[in-house]
């Protein structure tokens, strides 16, 4: 289970059951038509692709999203 927050130190926004994950990795490596077009820092951005949704998130540093 992966927990995510709207902002660092903020309230919990939700969680993702990674058992049902199709693929996960650096945002630029995830093959999906619904990629965001305006992401500020791609070095820290990763995606978790589910069957019906792709979560795009920004890690604290690049090593956390590899």
N, C-alpha and C. Protein backbone atom coordinates (compact mmCIF):
# COMPACT_ATOMS: atom_id res chain seq x y z
N UNK A 1 0.85 -1.17 0.00
CA UNK A 1 0.00 0.00 0.00
C UNK A 1 0.90 1.24 0.00
N UNK A 2 0.60 2.16 -0.87
CA UNK A 2 1.36 3.41 -0.96
C UNK A 2 0.44 4.55 -0.55
N UNK A 3 0.86 5.34 0.39
CA UNK A 3 0.08 6.48 0.87
C UNK A 3 0.60 7.74 0.19
N UNK A 4 -0.32 8.63 -0.23
CA UNK A 4 0.13 9.87 -0.84
C UNK A 4 -0.59 11.07 -0.24
N UNK A 5 0.08 12.22 -0.38
CA UNK A 5 -0.37 13.46 0.24
C UNK A 5 -0.43 14.55 -0.83
N UNK A 6 -1.33 15.52 -0.67
CA UNK A 6 -1.44 16.62 -1.62
C UNK A 6 -0.18 17.48 -1.60
N UNK A 7 0.44 17.60 -0.45
CA UNK A 7 1.67 18.36 -0.31
C UNK A 7 2.47 17.80 0.85
N UNK A 8 3.77 18.01 0.82
CA UNK A 8 4.64 17.50 1.87
C UNK A 8 4.20 18.06 3.22
N UNK A 9 4.01 17.16 4.19
CA UNK A 9 3.59 17.57 5.52
C UNK A 9 2.10 17.81 5.65
N UNK A 10 1.37 17.65 4.54
CA UNK A 10 -0.07 17.88 4.56
C UNK A 10 -0.85 16.64 4.98
N UNK A 11 -2.16 16.74 4.89
CA UNK A 11 -3.02 15.63 5.25
C UNK A 11 -2.98 14.54 4.18
N UNK A 12 -3.22 13.32 4.61
CA UNK A 12 -3.27 12.19 3.69
C UNK A 12 -4.37 12.42 2.66
N UNK A 13 -4.02 12.22 1.38
CA UNK A 13 -5.00 12.40 0.30
C UNK A 13 -5.62 11.07 -0.11
N UNK A 14 -4.83 9.99 -0.01
CA UNK A 14 -5.35 8.68 -0.38
C UNK A 14 -4.27 7.63 -0.34
N UNK A 15 -4.61 6.44 -0.82
CA UNK A 15 -3.61 5.39 -0.89
C UNK A 15 -3.83 4.57 -2.16
N UNK A 16 -2.77 3.88 -2.57
CA UNK A 16 -2.79 3.09 -3.79
C UNK A 16 -2.41 1.66 -3.43
N UNK A 17 -3.25 0.71 -3.81
CA UNK A 17 -2.95 -0.69 -3.57
C UNK A 17 -2.03 -1.17 -4.70
N UNK A 18 -0.74 -1.27 -4.43
CA UNK A 18 0.24 -1.60 -5.46
C UNK A 18 0.13 -3.03 -5.97
N UNK A 19 -0.67 -3.88 -5.31
CA UNK A 19 -0.90 -5.23 -5.80
C UNK A 19 -1.58 -5.18 -7.17
N UNK A 20 -2.42 -4.17 -7.38
CA UNK A 20 -3.16 -4.03 -8.63
C UNK A 20 -2.47 -3.11 -9.65
N UNK A 21 -1.25 -2.76 -9.39
CA UNK A 21 -0.49 -1.86 -10.26
C UNK A 21 -0.07 -2.58 -11.54
N UNK A 22 -0.29 -1.95 -12.70
CA UNK A 22 0.16 -2.52 -13.97
C UNK A 22 1.65 -2.27 -14.17
N UNK A 23 2.11 -1.07 -13.86
CA UNK A 23 3.52 -0.73 -13.98
C UNK A 23 3.80 0.52 -13.16
N UNK A 24 5.06 0.70 -12.78
CA UNK A 24 5.47 1.88 -12.02
C UNK A 24 6.90 2.20 -12.38
N UNK A 25 7.25 3.47 -12.36
CA UNK A 25 8.61 3.87 -12.65
C UNK A 25 8.70 5.35 -12.94
N UNK A 26 9.85 5.76 -13.46
CA UNK A 26 10.02 7.17 -13.80
C UNK A 26 8.93 7.58 -14.78
N UNK A 27 8.40 8.75 -14.61
CA UNK A 27 7.29 9.25 -15.42
C UNK A 27 7.57 9.13 -16.90
N UNK A 28 8.78 9.44 -17.32
CA UNK A 28 9.12 9.42 -18.74
C UNK A 28 9.17 8.00 -19.31
N UNK A 29 9.23 6.97 -18.45
CA UNK A 29 9.32 5.58 -18.90
C UNK A 29 7.97 4.86 -18.96
N UNK A 30 6.91 5.47 -18.46
CA UNK A 30 5.61 4.81 -18.41
C UNK A 30 4.87 5.05 -19.72
N UNK A 31 4.56 3.99 -20.46
CA UNK A 31 3.83 4.17 -21.73
C UNK A 31 2.34 4.40 -21.47
N UNK A 32 1.91 5.62 -21.58
CA UNK A 32 0.51 5.94 -21.37
C UNK A 32 0.13 7.20 -22.13
N UNK A 33 -1.08 7.22 -22.61
CA UNK A 33 -1.56 8.38 -23.38
C UNK A 33 -1.95 9.53 -22.46
N UNK A 34 -2.15 9.25 -21.18
CA UNK A 34 -2.62 10.29 -20.28
C UNK A 34 -1.52 10.91 -19.43
N UNK A 35 -0.30 11.00 -19.98
CA UNK A 35 0.79 11.67 -19.27
C UNK A 35 0.49 13.16 -19.14
N UNK A 36 0.96 13.74 -18.08
CA UNK A 36 0.83 15.18 -17.91
C UNK A 36 1.77 15.89 -18.87
N UNK A 37 1.36 16.99 -19.40
CA UNK A 37 2.17 17.73 -20.36
C UNK A 37 3.02 18.81 -19.70
N UNK A 38 2.67 19.22 -18.49
CA UNK A 38 3.37 20.32 -17.84
C UNK A 38 3.84 19.88 -16.45
N UNK A 39 4.91 19.13 -16.40
CA UNK A 39 5.47 18.68 -15.12
C UNK A 39 6.80 19.39 -14.93
N UNK A 40 6.93 20.08 -13.82
CA UNK A 40 8.09 20.92 -13.59
C UNK A 40 9.43 20.22 -13.49
N UNK A 41 9.55 19.19 -12.69
CA UNK A 41 10.84 18.57 -12.44
C UNK A 41 10.77 17.08 -12.75
N UNK A 42 11.04 16.71 -14.00
CA UNK A 42 10.91 15.32 -14.42
C UNK A 42 11.91 14.39 -13.74
N UNK A 43 13.03 14.91 -13.24
CA UNK A 43 14.01 14.07 -12.56
C UNK A 43 13.45 13.45 -11.29
N UNK A 44 12.47 14.09 -10.68
CA UNK A 44 11.88 13.61 -9.43
C UNK A 44 10.47 13.08 -9.61
N UNK A 45 9.99 13.00 -10.84
CA UNK A 45 8.61 12.63 -11.10
C UNK A 45 8.51 11.16 -11.49
N UNK A 46 7.55 10.46 -10.89
CA UNK A 46 7.33 9.05 -11.22
C UNK A 46 5.84 8.80 -11.39
N UNK A 47 5.51 7.67 -12.01
CA UNK A 47 4.11 7.34 -12.26
C UNK A 47 3.81 5.93 -11.80
N UNK A 48 2.58 5.73 -11.35
CA UNK A 48 2.06 4.42 -10.99
C UNK A 48 0.82 4.23 -11.86
N UNK A 49 0.88 3.28 -12.80
CA UNK A 49 -0.21 3.06 -13.75
C UNK A 49 -1.09 1.92 -13.27
N UNK A 50 -2.36 2.25 -13.08
CA UNK A 50 -3.36 1.26 -12.72
C UNK A 50 -4.20 1.00 -13.98
N UNK A 51 -5.10 0.07 -13.93
CA UNK A 51 -5.93 -0.24 -15.10
C UNK A 51 -6.76 0.95 -15.54
N UNK A 52 -7.26 1.72 -14.59
CA UNK A 52 -8.17 2.82 -14.92
C UNK A 52 -7.62 4.22 -14.64
N UNK A 53 -6.40 4.31 -14.13
CA UNK A 53 -5.86 5.62 -13.75
C UNK A 53 -4.34 5.56 -13.65
N UNK A 54 -3.68 6.66 -13.97
CA UNK A 54 -2.25 6.78 -13.76
C UNK A 54 -2.00 7.88 -12.75
N UNK A 55 -1.33 7.54 -11.66
CA UNK A 55 -0.96 8.51 -10.64
C UNK A 55 0.42 9.07 -10.99
N UNK A 56 0.55 10.37 -11.05
CA UNK A 56 1.84 11.01 -11.29
C UNK A 56 2.23 11.76 -10.03
N UNK A 57 3.43 11.48 -9.52
CA UNK A 57 3.85 12.03 -8.24
C UNK A 57 5.27 12.56 -8.33
N UNK A 58 5.60 13.46 -7.41
CA UNK A 58 6.94 14.03 -7.34
C UNK A 58 7.57 13.63 -6.02
N UNK A 59 8.73 12.98 -6.10
CA UNK A 59 9.45 12.52 -4.91
C UNK A 59 10.31 13.65 -4.34
N UNK A 60 10.80 13.44 -3.13
CA UNK A 60 11.68 14.43 -2.49
C UNK A 60 12.98 14.59 -3.24
N UNK A 61 13.50 13.48 -3.79
CA UNK A 61 14.72 13.54 -4.57
C UNK A 61 14.69 12.46 -5.65
N UNK A 62 15.60 12.54 -6.61
CA UNK A 62 15.59 11.64 -7.76
C UNK A 62 15.75 10.17 -7.36
N UNK A 63 16.56 9.88 -6.35
CA UNK A 63 16.79 8.49 -5.95
C UNK A 63 15.53 7.82 -5.42
N UNK A 64 14.58 8.58 -4.90
CA UNK A 64 13.36 8.02 -4.35
C UNK A 64 12.37 7.57 -5.42
N UNK A 65 12.59 7.95 -6.67
CA UNK A 65 11.63 7.56 -7.72
C UNK A 65 12.23 6.60 -8.73
N UNK A 66 13.29 5.93 -8.38
CA UNK A 66 13.91 4.96 -9.29
C UNK A 66 13.43 3.57 -8.99
